[in-house]
Amino acid sequence: MTWFTLWMVVINTSFWLVCCFGVAYLVRLIPKSLYTKNQWFFKKYPFEKKLYKIIRLNKWKDRLPEWGKVWNFEKKNLDKELSLKYVDQFILETKYSEVGHLGMAVAGFACVLVNPVDYVVMALICSIINLLIQIPFCLIQRYNRPRLLRLKSRMEYQNQKLSDTSRELNRSVYKV
């Protein structure tokens, strides 16, 4: 192995680590208000449900690696910590993740800039492979978010019902 080859391995490995972890970190610096205001970006489109059935996303989505632990959030706690606060955080995490994976897919094309001109084709191939790797992660977030929103809606409805029942009970106690 030549020094040049070793140097290119170091440069490219560093690039991909900085690209992926850097983008994942940067999306968390974006104010939360931008994630809540831009619902057009995160809304579910009519074709998505059919697409998820065609690619059978529900069969393989849990087999892909999940790095929520790195950011102090674990989706595996849904059955342990079922609260509105947790579901809201989960929904926000799906937005962070979707934007992060899209950002990684786009930023990956900067790989062309860190490689010598003679290696542009190789860098483009790496960038395209990265893009293809990021797509399933984006799809998983888009698949999960509507389900979480429905869960949140049901929980809010249940909480409202409970508070209405509680109010009714309090009124009936005072009427006696």
N, C-alpha and C. Protein backbone atom coordinates (compact mmCIF):
# COMPACT_ATOMS: atom_id res chain seq x y z
N MET A 1 0.86 -1.18 0.00
CA MET A 1 0.00 0.00 0.00
C MET A 1 0.91 1.24 0.00
N THR A 2 0.62 2.16 -0.89
CA THR A 2 1.44 3.37 -0.99
C THR A 2 0.96 4.40 0.03
N TRP A 3 1.81 5.39 0.27
CA TRP A 3 1.43 6.47 1.17
C TRP A 3 0.22 7.22 0.64
N PHE A 4 0.17 7.38 -0.66
CA PHE A 4 -0.97 8.07 -1.26
C PHE A 4 -2.27 7.32 -0.97
N THR A 5 -2.26 6.02 -1.16
CA THR A 5 -3.46 5.21 -0.90
C THR A 5 -3.86 5.31 0.57
N LEU A 6 -2.89 5.20 1.44
CA LEU A 6 -3.16 5.30 2.87
C LEU A 6 -3.74 6.67 3.21
N TRP A 7 -3.14 7.71 2.62
CA TRP A 7 -3.62 9.08 2.84
C TRP A 7 -5.07 9.23 2.34
N MET A 8 -5.38 8.67 1.20
CA MET A 8 -6.75 8.77 0.65
C MET A 8 -7.74 8.02 1.55
N VAL A 9 -7.33 6.89 2.11
CA VAL A 9 -8.19 6.15 3.04
C VAL A 9 -8.47 7.01 4.27
N VAL A 10 -7.45 7.65 4.81
CA VAL A 10 -7.60 8.50 5.99
C VAL A 10 -8.51 9.69 5.66
N ILE A 11 -8.25 10.35 4.54
CA ILE A 11 -9.04 11.52 4.15
C ILE A 11 -10.50 11.14 3.95
N ASN A 12 -10.76 10.07 3.22
CA ASN A 12 -12.14 9.69 2.93
C ASN A 12 -12.87 9.17 4.17
N THR A 13 -12.19 8.42 5.00
CA THR A 13 -12.81 7.94 6.24
C THR A 13 -13.16 9.13 7.12
N SER A 14 -12.24 10.06 7.25
CA SER A 14 -12.50 11.27 8.05
C SER A 14 -13.67 12.06 7.46
N PHE A 15 -13.66 12.21 6.14
CA PHE A 15 -14.75 12.94 5.49
C PHE A 15 -16.11 12.33 5.83
N TRP A 16 -16.24 11.02 5.67
CA TRP A 16 -17.54 10.39 5.89
C TRP A 16 -17.97 10.44 7.35
N LEU A 17 -17.02 10.32 8.27
CA LEU A 17 -17.35 10.44 9.69
C LEU A 17 -17.83 11.86 10.02
N VAL A 18 -17.09 12.85 9.55
CA VAL A 18 -17.47 14.24 9.80
C VAL A 18 -18.79 14.56 9.10
N CYS A 19 -18.94 14.08 7.89
CA CYS A 19 -20.18 14.33 7.14
C CYS A 19 -21.39 13.79 7.89
N CYS A 20 -21.34 12.54 8.25
CA CYS A 20 -22.52 11.91 8.87
C CYS A 20 -22.77 12.41 10.28
N PHE A 21 -21.75 12.38 11.14
CA PHE A 21 -21.96 12.83 12.51
C PHE A 21 -22.14 14.34 12.58
N GLY A 22 -21.45 15.07 11.71
CA GLY A 22 -21.60 16.53 11.68
C GLY A 22 -23.01 16.95 11.30
N VAL A 23 -23.56 16.35 10.28
CA VAL A 23 -24.93 16.68 9.86
C VAL A 23 -25.91 16.27 10.96
N ALA A 24 -25.72 15.09 11.54
CA ALA A 24 -26.62 14.64 12.61
C ALA A 24 -26.60 15.62 13.78
N TYR A 25 -25.45 16.18 14.08
CA TYR A 25 -25.33 17.16 15.15
C TYR A 25 -25.97 18.49 14.73
N LEU A 26 -25.70 18.93 13.51
CA LEU A 26 -26.20 20.23 13.05
C LEU A 26 -27.73 20.29 12.99
N VAL A 27 -28.38 19.19 12.64
CA VAL A 27 -29.85 19.25 12.55
C VAL A 27 -30.48 19.52 13.92
N ARG A 28 -29.76 19.19 14.98
CA ARG A 28 -30.26 19.43 16.33
C ARG A 28 -30.03 20.88 16.76
N LEU A 29 -29.22 21.60 16.01
CA LEU A 29 -29.00 23.02 16.31
C LEU A 29 -30.07 23.90 15.66
N ILE A 30 -30.78 23.34 14.70
CA ILE A 30 -31.87 24.08 14.05
C ILE A 30 -32.98 24.26 15.09
N PRO A 31 -33.49 25.47 15.24
CA PRO A 31 -34.54 25.70 16.25
C PRO A 31 -35.74 24.75 16.05
N LYS A 32 -36.26 24.24 17.16
CA LYS A 32 -37.39 23.31 17.11
C LYS A 32 -38.59 23.93 16.39
N SER A 33 -38.71 25.25 16.48
CA SER A 33 -39.85 25.92 15.85
C SER A 33 -39.87 25.69 14.34
N LEU A 34 -38.70 25.55 13.72
CA LEU A 34 -38.66 25.29 12.27
C LEU A 34 -39.18 23.89 11.95
N TYR A 35 -39.01 22.97 12.88
CA TYR A 35 -39.53 21.62 12.67
C TYR A 35 -41.05 21.58 12.86
N THR A 36 -41.57 22.43 13.70
CA THR A 36 -43.02 22.42 13.92
C THR A 36 -43.75 23.31 12.91
N LYS A 37 -43.11 24.37 12.45
CA LYS A 37 -43.76 25.28 11.50
C LYS A 37 -43.83 24.71 10.09
N ASN A 38 -42.84 23.95 9.69
CA ASN A 38 -42.75 23.47 8.32
C ASN A 38 -43.45 22.12 8.13
N GLN A 39 -44.72 22.08 8.44
CA GLN A 39 -45.46 20.83 8.32
C GLN A 39 -45.58 20.36 6.88
N TRP A 40 -45.50 21.27 5.92
CA TRP A 40 -45.59 20.88 4.51
C TRP A 40 -44.46 19.91 4.15
N PHE A 41 -43.31 20.10 4.77
CA PHE A 41 -42.17 19.23 4.48
C PHE A 41 -42.36 17.84 5.07
N PHE A 42 -43.00 17.78 6.23
CA PHE A 42 -43.13 16.52 6.96
C PHE A 42 -44.48 15.84 6.75
N LYS A 43 -45.38 16.47 5.99
CA LYS A 43 -46.71 15.87 5.85
C LYS A 43 -46.66 14.57 5.05
N LYS A 44 -47.64 13.75 5.28
CA LYS A 44 -47.74 12.46 4.58
C LYS A 44 -48.42 12.70 3.22
N TYR A 45 -47.82 12.14 2.18
CA TYR A 45 -48.38 12.29 0.84
C TYR A 45 -49.15 11.03 0.46
N PRO A 46 -50.18 11.17 -0.37
CA PRO A 46 -51.05 10.02 -0.70
C PRO A 46 -50.32 8.80 -1.25
N PHE A 47 -49.28 8.99 -2.02
CA PHE A 47 -48.59 7.85 -2.64
C PHE A 47 -47.74 7.05 -1.65
N GLU A 48 -47.44 7.63 -0.50
CA GLU A 48 -46.50 7.00 0.42
C GLU A 48 -47.00 5.65 0.95
N LYS A 49 -48.25 5.58 1.34
CA LYS A 49 -48.78 4.33 1.92
C LYS A 49 -48.63 3.17 0.93
N LYS A 50 -48.93 3.44 -0.32
CA LYS A 50 -48.81 2.41 -1.35
C LYS A 50 -47.34 2.01 -1.55
N LEU A 51 -46.46 3.01 -1.55
CA LEU A 51 -45.03 2.75 -1.69
C LEU A 51 -44.53 1.85 -0.56
N TYR A 52 -44.94 2.14 0.66
CA TYR A 52 -44.49 1.35 1.81
C TYR A 52 -44.97 -0.09 1.72
N LYS A 53 -46.16 -0.28 1.16
CA LYS A 53 -46.66 -1.65 0.98
C LYS A 53 -45.87 -2.37 -0.10
N ILE A 54 -45.58 -1.67 -1.18
CA ILE A 54 -44.83 -2.28 -2.30
C ILE A 54 -43.44 -2.73 -1.84
N ILE A 55 -42.75 -1.86 -1.08
CA ILE A 55 -41.40 -2.21 -0.65
C ILE A 55 -41.40 -2.98 0.68
N ARG A 56 -42.58 -3.24 1.21
CA ARG A 56 -42.77 -4.00 2.46
C ARG A 56 -41.90 -3.44 3.59
N LEU A 57 -41.96 -2.15 3.74
CA LEU A 57 -41.14 -1.43 4.71
C LEU A 57 -41.34 -1.97 6.12
N ASN A 58 -42.58 -2.30 6.48
CA ASN A 58 -42.84 -2.77 7.84
C ASN A 58 -42.14 -4.09 8.16
N LYS A 59 -41.73 -4.83 7.14
CA LYS A 59 -41.06 -6.12 7.34
C LYS A 59 -39.57 -5.95 7.70
N TRP A 60 -38.93 -4.88 7.21
CA TRP A 60 -37.49 -4.75 7.41
C TRP A 60 -37.06 -3.50 8.17
N LYS A 61 -37.99 -2.61 8.47
CA LYS A 61 -37.59 -1.33 9.07
C LYS A 61 -36.89 -1.46 10.42
N ASP A 62 -37.25 -2.45 11.21
CA ASP A 62 -36.63 -2.62 12.52
C ASP A 62 -35.28 -3.35 12.47
N ARG A 63 -34.89 -3.77 11.30
CA ARG A 63 -33.60 -4.47 11.16
C ARG A 63 -32.44 -3.51 10.88
N LEU A 64 -32.76 -2.29 10.51
CA LEU A 64 -31.70 -1.31 10.23
C LEU A 64 -31.18 -0.75 11.55
N PRO A 65 -29.92 -0.34 11.57
CA PRO A 65 -29.37 0.21 12.82
C PRO A 65 -30.06 1.50 13.21
N GLU A 66 -30.15 1.72 14.50
CA GLU A 66 -30.80 2.90 15.05
C GLU A 66 -29.85 3.53 16.05
N TRP A 67 -29.54 4.81 15.86
CA TRP A 67 -28.53 5.48 16.68
C TRP A 67 -29.11 6.51 17.64
N GLY A 68 -30.36 6.34 18.01
CA GLY A 68 -30.98 7.29 18.94
C GLY A 68 -30.24 7.42 20.25
N LYS A 69 -29.57 6.35 20.67
CA LYS A 69 -28.82 6.37 21.93
C LYS A 69 -27.76 7.46 21.93
N VAL A 70 -27.17 7.69 20.76
CA VAL A 70 -26.12 8.70 20.66
C VAL A 70 -26.67 10.07 21.05
N TRP A 71 -27.95 10.31 20.77
CA TRP A 71 -28.58 11.60 21.04
C TRP A 71 -29.51 11.52 22.26
N ASN A 72 -29.30 10.52 23.10
CA ASN A 72 -30.07 10.34 24.33
C ASN A 72 -31.55 10.15 24.11
N PHE A 73 -31.88 9.40 23.07
CA PHE A 73 -33.28 9.06 22.83
C PHE A 73 -33.34 7.64 22.30
N GLU A 74 -34.17 6.83 22.92
CA GLU A 74 -34.32 5.46 22.46
C GLU A 74 -35.76 5.18 22.11
N LYS A 75 -35.97 4.77 20.88
CA LYS A 75 -37.32 4.46 20.44
C LYS A 75 -37.84 3.20 21.11
N LYS A 76 -36.95 2.39 21.59
CA LYS A 76 -37.35 1.12 22.21
C LYS A 76 -38.11 1.35 23.52
N ASN A 77 -38.11 2.58 24.03
CA ASN A 77 -38.79 2.88 25.29
C ASN A 77 -40.27 3.22 25.10
N LEU A 78 -40.77 3.13 23.89
CA LEU A 78 -42.16 3.50 23.63
C LEU A 78 -43.12 2.72 24.51
N ASP A 79 -42.85 1.44 24.71
CA ASP A 79 -43.75 0.64 25.53
C ASP A 79 -43.54 0.88 27.03
N LYS A 80 -42.40 1.44 27.42
CA LYS A 80 -42.12 1.69 28.84
C LYS A 80 -42.51 3.09 29.27
N GLU A 81 -42.33 4.07 28.39
CA GLU A 81 -42.52 5.47 28.76
C GLU A 81 -43.64 6.12 27.94
N LEU A 82 -44.75 5.49 27.85
CA LEU A 82 -45.81 6.02 27.01
C LEU A 82 -46.47 7.23 27.69
N SER A 83 -46.04 8.40 27.28
CA SER A 83 -46.60 9.65 27.77
C SER A 83 -46.66 10.61 26.60
N LEU A 84 -47.47 11.64 26.72
CA LEU A 84 -47.54 12.63 25.64
C LEU A 84 -46.19 13.29 25.40
N LYS A 85 -45.47 13.55 26.47
CA LYS A 85 -44.14 14.18 26.34
C LYS A 85 -43.20 13.28 25.53
N TYR A 86 -43.21 11.99 25.85
CA TYR A 86 -42.35 11.04 25.14
C TYR A 86 -42.75 10.93 23.66
N VAL A 87 -44.05 10.85 23.39
CA VAL A 87 -44.52 10.74 22.00
C VAL A 87 -44.17 12.02 21.22
N ASP A 88 -44.33 13.18 21.85
CA ASP A 88 -43.93 14.43 21.20
C ASP A 88 -42.44 14.43 20.87
N GLN A 89 -41.63 13.95 21.81
CA GLN A 89 -40.19 13.89 21.57
C GLN A 89 -39.88 12.90 20.45
N PHE A 90 -40.59 11.79 20.42
CA PHE A 90 -40.40 10.78 19.38
C PHE A 90 -40.72 11.39 18.01
N ILE A 91 -41.80 12.13 17.92
CA ILE A 91 -42.19 12.78 16.66
C ILE A 91 -41.09 13.75 16.23
N LEU A 92 -40.58 14.54 17.17
CA LEU A 92 -39.49 15.47 16.86
C LEU A 92 -38.25 14.71 16.41
N GLU A 93 -37.96 13.59 17.05
CA GLU A 93 -36.80 12.78 16.67
C GLU A 93 -36.93 12.25 15.24
N THR A 94 -38.15 11.91 14.82
CA THR A 94 -38.33 11.45 13.43
C THR A 94 -38.03 12.58 12.46
N LYS A 95 -38.35 13.80 12.86
CA LYS A 95 -38.05 14.96 12.01
C LYS A 95 -36.55 15.22 11.96
N TYR A 96 -35.90 15.17 13.13
CA TYR A 96 -34.43 15.32 13.16
C TYR A 96 -33.80 14.28 12.25
N SER A 97 -34.25 13.06 12.39
CA SER A 97 -33.65 11.95 11.65
C SER A 97 -33.87 12.10 10.15
N GLU A 98 -35.08 12.45 9.76
CA GLU A 98 -35.35 12.60 8.33
C GLU A 98 -34.50 13.71 7.72
N VAL A 99 -34.47 14.86 8.38
CA VAL A 99 -33.67 15.98 7.87
C VAL A 99 -32.18 15.61 7.89
N GLY A 100 -31.76 14.93 8.94
CA GLY A 100 -30.36 14.51 9.05
C GLY A 100 -29.95 13.57 7.93
N HIS A 101 -30.77 12.56 7.67
CA HIS A 101 -30.42 11.61 6.61
C HIS A 101 -30.47 12.26 5.23
N LEU A 102 -31.41 13.16 5.03
CA LEU A 102 -31.43 13.90 3.75
C LEU A 102 -30.18 14.77 3.63
N GLY A 103 -29.82 15.42 4.74
CA GLY A 103 -28.61 16.25 4.75
C GLY A 103 -27.36 15.44 4.47
N MET A 104 -27.29 14.23 5.07
CA MET A 104 -26.14 13.35 4.83
C MET A 104 -26.07 12.94 3.37
N ALA A 105 -27.23 12.68 2.78
CA ALA A 105 -27.28 12.27 1.38
C ALA A 105 -26.76 13.38 0.47
N VAL A 106 -27.17 14.61 0.76
CA VAL A 106 -26.73 15.75 -0.06
C VAL A 106 -25.27 16.10 0.22
N ALA A 107 -24.91 16.18 1.51
CA ALA A 107 -23.54 16.55 1.89
C ALA A 107 -22.53 15.52 1.40
N GLY A 108 -22.96 14.29 1.24
CA GLY A 108 -22.07 13.24 0.77
C GLY A 108 -21.47 13.52 -0.60
N PHE A 109 -22.14 14.34 -1.38
CA PHE A 109 -21.60 14.67 -2.71
C PHE A 109 -20.38 15.57 -2.62
N ALA A 110 -20.11 16.13 -1.44
CA ALA A 110 -18.88 16.91 -1.26
C ALA A 110 -17.66 16.00 -1.27
N CYS A 111 -17.88 14.70 -1.24
CA CYS A 111 -16.80 13.72 -1.35
C CYS A 111 -15.99 13.98 -2.62
N VAL A 112 -16.64 14.47 -3.64
CA VAL A 112 -15.98 14.78 -4.90
C VAL A 112 -14.90 15.85 -4.67
N LEU A 113 -15.15 16.75 -3.73
CA LEU A 113 -14.23 17.86 -3.49
C LEU A 113 -12.99 17.46 -2.70
N VAL A 114 -13.06 16.40 -1.92
CA VAL A 114 -11.91 16.01 -1.10
C VAL A 114 -11.01 14.99 -1.79
N ASN A 115 -11.38 14.60 -2.98
CA ASN A 115 -10.59 13.62 -3.73
C ASN A 115 -9.94 14.26 -4.94
N PRO A 116 -8.79 13.75 -5.36
CA PRO A 116 -8.14 14.28 -6.56
C PRO A 116 -9.03 14.12 -7.79
N VAL A 117 -8.82 14.97 -8.75
CA VAL A 117 -9.63 14.97 -9.98
C VAL A 117 -9.65 13.60 -10.64
N ASP A 118 -8.55 12.89 -10.59
CA ASP A 118 -8.49 11.56 -11.21
C ASP A 118 -9.45 10.56 -10.57
N TYR A 119 -9.94 10.88 -9.38
CA TYR A 119 -10.80 9.96 -8.64
C TYR A 119 -12.25 10.45 -8.54
N VAL A 120 -12.62 11.36 -9.41
CA VAL A 120 -13.98 11.92 -9.38
C VAL A 120 -15.03 10.83 -9.58
N VAL A 121 -14.80 9.91 -10.49
CA VAL A 121 -15.77 8.85 -10.75
C VAL A 121 -15.96 7.99 -9.49
N MET A 122 -14.85 7.63 -8.85
CA MET A 122 -14.93 6.85 -7.63
C MET A 122 -15.68 7.63 -6.54
N ALA A 123 -15.40 8.92 -6.43
CA ALA A 123 -16.07 9.75 -5.42
C ALA A 123 -17.56 9.87 -5.72
N LEU A 124 -17.91 10.01 -6.99
CA LEU A 124 -19.33 10.07 -7.36
C LEU A 124 -20.04 8.76 -7.05
N ILE A 125 -19.37 7.66 -7.30
CA ILE A 125 -19.96 6.35 -6.99
C ILE A 125 -20.20 6.24 -5.48
N CYS A 126 -19.22 6.65 -4.69
CA CYS A 126 -19.39 6.62 -3.22
C CYS A 126 -20.55 7.53 -2.79
N SER A 127 -20.65 8.69 -3.41
CA SER A 127 -21.73 9.63 -3.07
C SER A 127 -23.10 9.06 -3.43
N ILE A 128 -23.19 8.42 -4.57
CA ILE A 128 -24.47 7.81 -5.00
C ILE A 128 -24.84 6.64 -4.08
N ILE A 129 -23.85 5.84 -3.70
CA ILE A 129 -24.11 4.74 -2.77
C ILE A 129 -24.60 5.31 -1.44
N ASN A 130 -23.96 6.37 -0.97
CA ASN A 130 -24.40 7.03 0.27
C ASN A 130 -25.84 7.51 0.15
N LEU A 131 -26.18 8.12 -0.97
CA LEU A 131 -27.55 8.57 -1.20
C LEU A 131 -28.52 7.40 -1.09
N LEU A 132 -28.18 6.30 -1.73
CA LEU A 132 -29.06 5.12 -1.70
C LEU A 132 -29.16 4.53 -0.29
N ILE A 133 -28.09 4.63 0.47
CA ILE A 133 -28.12 4.13 1.85
C ILE A 133 -29.02 5.00 2.73
N GLN A 134 -29.04 6.30 2.49
CA GLN A 134 -29.82 7.22 3.33
C GLN A 134 -31.33 7.14 3.07
N ILE A 135 -31.72 6.80 1.87
CA ILE A 135 -33.15 6.78 1.51
C ILE A 135 -33.99 5.90 2.43
N PRO A 136 -33.61 4.65 2.71
CA PRO A 136 -34.45 3.83 3.59
C PRO A 136 -34.66 4.45 4.97
N PHE A 137 -33.64 5.12 5.50
CA PHE A 137 -33.77 5.74 6.82
C PHE A 137 -34.79 6.88 6.79
N CYS A 138 -34.79 7.64 5.69
CA CYS A 138 -35.79 8.71 5.54
C CYS A 138 -37.19 8.10 5.43
N LEU A 139 -37.32 7.04 4.66
CA LEU A 139 -38.62 6.40 4.50
C LEU A 139 -39.15 5.87 5.83
N ILE A 140 -38.28 5.32 6.65
CA ILE A 140 -38.71 4.79 7.95
C ILE A 140 -39.28 5.92 8.81
N GLN A 141 -38.65 7.07 8.79
CA GLN A 141 -39.15 8.21 9.59
C GLN A 141 -40.52 8.64 9.08
N ARG A 142 -40.65 8.68 7.77
CA ARG A 142 -41.93 9.11 7.17
C ARG A 142 -43.02 8.06 7.41
N TYR A 143 -42.64 6.81 7.52
CA TYR A 143 -43.58 5.72 7.81
C TYR A 143 -44.04 5.79 9.27
N ASN A 144 -43.11 6.04 10.18
CA ASN A 144 -43.43 6.04 11.61
C ASN A 144 -44.18 7.28 12.07
N ARG A 145 -43.87 8.44 11.51
CA ARG A 145 -44.43 9.69 12.02
C ARG A 145 -45.96 9.74 12.01
N PRO A 146 -46.65 9.36 10.93
CA PRO A 146 -48.12 9.39 10.96
C PRO A 146 -48.69 8.47 12.05
N ARG A 147 -48.04 7.36 12.29
CA ARG A 147 -48.49 6.45 13.34
C ARG A 147 -48.34 7.09 14.72
N LEU A 148 -47.23 7.77 14.91
CA LEU A 148 -47.01 8.46 16.17
C LEU A 148 -47.99 9.62 16.35
N LEU A 149 -48.30 10.31 15.26
CA LEU A 149 -49.27 11.41 15.34
C LEU A 149 -50.66 10.88 15.69
N ARG A 150 -51.02 9.72 15.14
CA ARG A 150 -52.31 9.11 15.51
C ARG A 150 -52.31 8.69 16.97
N LEU A 151 -51.20 8.12 17.43
CA LEU A 151 -51.08 7.73 18.83
C LEU A 151 -51.22 8.95 19.73
N LYS A 152 -50.55 10.04 19.37
CA LYS A 152 -50.64 11.28 20.15
C LYS A 152 -52.07 11.78 20.19
N SER A 153 -52.73 11.74 19.05
CA SER A 153 -54.13 12.20 18.99
C SER A 153 -55.02 11.35 19.90
N ARG A 154 -54.84 10.03 19.86
CA ARG A 154 -55.63 9.14 20.74
C ARG A 154 -55.34 9.43 22.21
N MET A 155 -54.08 9.65 22.53
CA MET A 155 -53.72 9.94 23.92
C MET A 155 -54.31 11.26 24.39
N GLU A 156 -54.28 12.27 23.52
CA GLU A 156 -54.89 13.57 23.87
C GLU A 156 -56.39 13.42 24.07
N TYR A 157 -57.01 12.63 23.20
CA TYR A 157 -58.45 12.38 23.32
C TYR A 157 -58.76 11.69 24.65
N GLN A 158 -57.98 10.67 24.98
CA GLN A 158 -58.17 9.94 26.25
C GLN A 158 -57.97 10.89 27.44
N ASN A 159 -56.94 11.71 27.39
CA ASN A 159 -56.69 12.67 28.47
C ASN A 159 -57.84 13.66 28.60
N GLN A 160 -58.36 14.10 27.46
CA GLN A 160 -59.49 15.04 27.47
C GLN A 160 -60.72 14.36 28.07
N LYS A 161 -60.96 13.11 27.67
CA LYS A 161 -62.09 12.37 28.21
C LYS A 161 -61.96 12.21 29.72
N LEU A 162 -60.77 11.89 30.17
CA LEU A 162 -60.54 11.71 31.60
C LEU A 162 -60.74 13.02 32.36
N SER A 163 -60.26 14.11 31.82
CA SER A 163 -60.43 15.39 32.51
C SER A 163 -61.89 15.83 32.49
N ASP A 164 -62.62 15.54 31.40
CA ASP A 164 -64.05 15.85 31.34
C ASP A 164 -64.81 15.02 32.37
N THR A 165 -64.48 13.75 32.48
CA THR A 165 -65.12 12.86 33.44
C THR A 165 -64.82 13.34 34.86
N SER A 166 -63.59 13.72 35.08
CA SER A 166 -63.20 14.23 36.40
C SER A 166 -63.97 15.49 36.74
N ARG A 167 -64.11 16.40 35.78
CA ARG A 167 -64.88 17.63 36.00
C ARG A 167 -66.33 17.32 36.31
N GLU A 168 -66.90 16.37 35.55
CA GLU A 168 -68.29 15.98 35.78
C GLU A 168 -68.46 15.39 37.18
N LEU A 169 -67.53 14.58 37.59
CA LEU A 169 -67.60 13.99 38.93
C LEU A 169 -67.51 15.07 40.00
N ASN A 170 -66.64 16.03 39.79
CA ASN A 170 -66.51 17.12 40.76
C ASN A 170 -67.78 17.95 40.82
N ARG A 171 -68.39 18.22 39.69
CA ARG A 171 -69.65 18.99 39.66
C ARG A 171 -70.76 18.24 40.39
N SER A 172 -70.86 16.92 40.13
CA SER A 172 -71.93 16.15 40.76
C SER A 172 -71.73 16.08 42.28
N VAL A 173 -70.48 16.06 42.73
CA VAL A 173 -70.21 16.05 44.16
C VAL A 173 -70.68 17.36 44.80
N TYR A 174 -70.46 18.46 44.11
CA TYR A 174 -70.84 19.76 44.67
C TYR A 174 -72.33 20.03 44.56
N LYS A 175 -73.04 19.35 43.67
CA LYS A 175 -74.49 19.55 43.52
C LYS A 175 -75.25 18.91 44.67
N VAL A 176 -74.70 17.90 45.25
CA VAL A 176 -75.40 17.15 46.31
C VAL A 176 -75.54 17.92 47.56
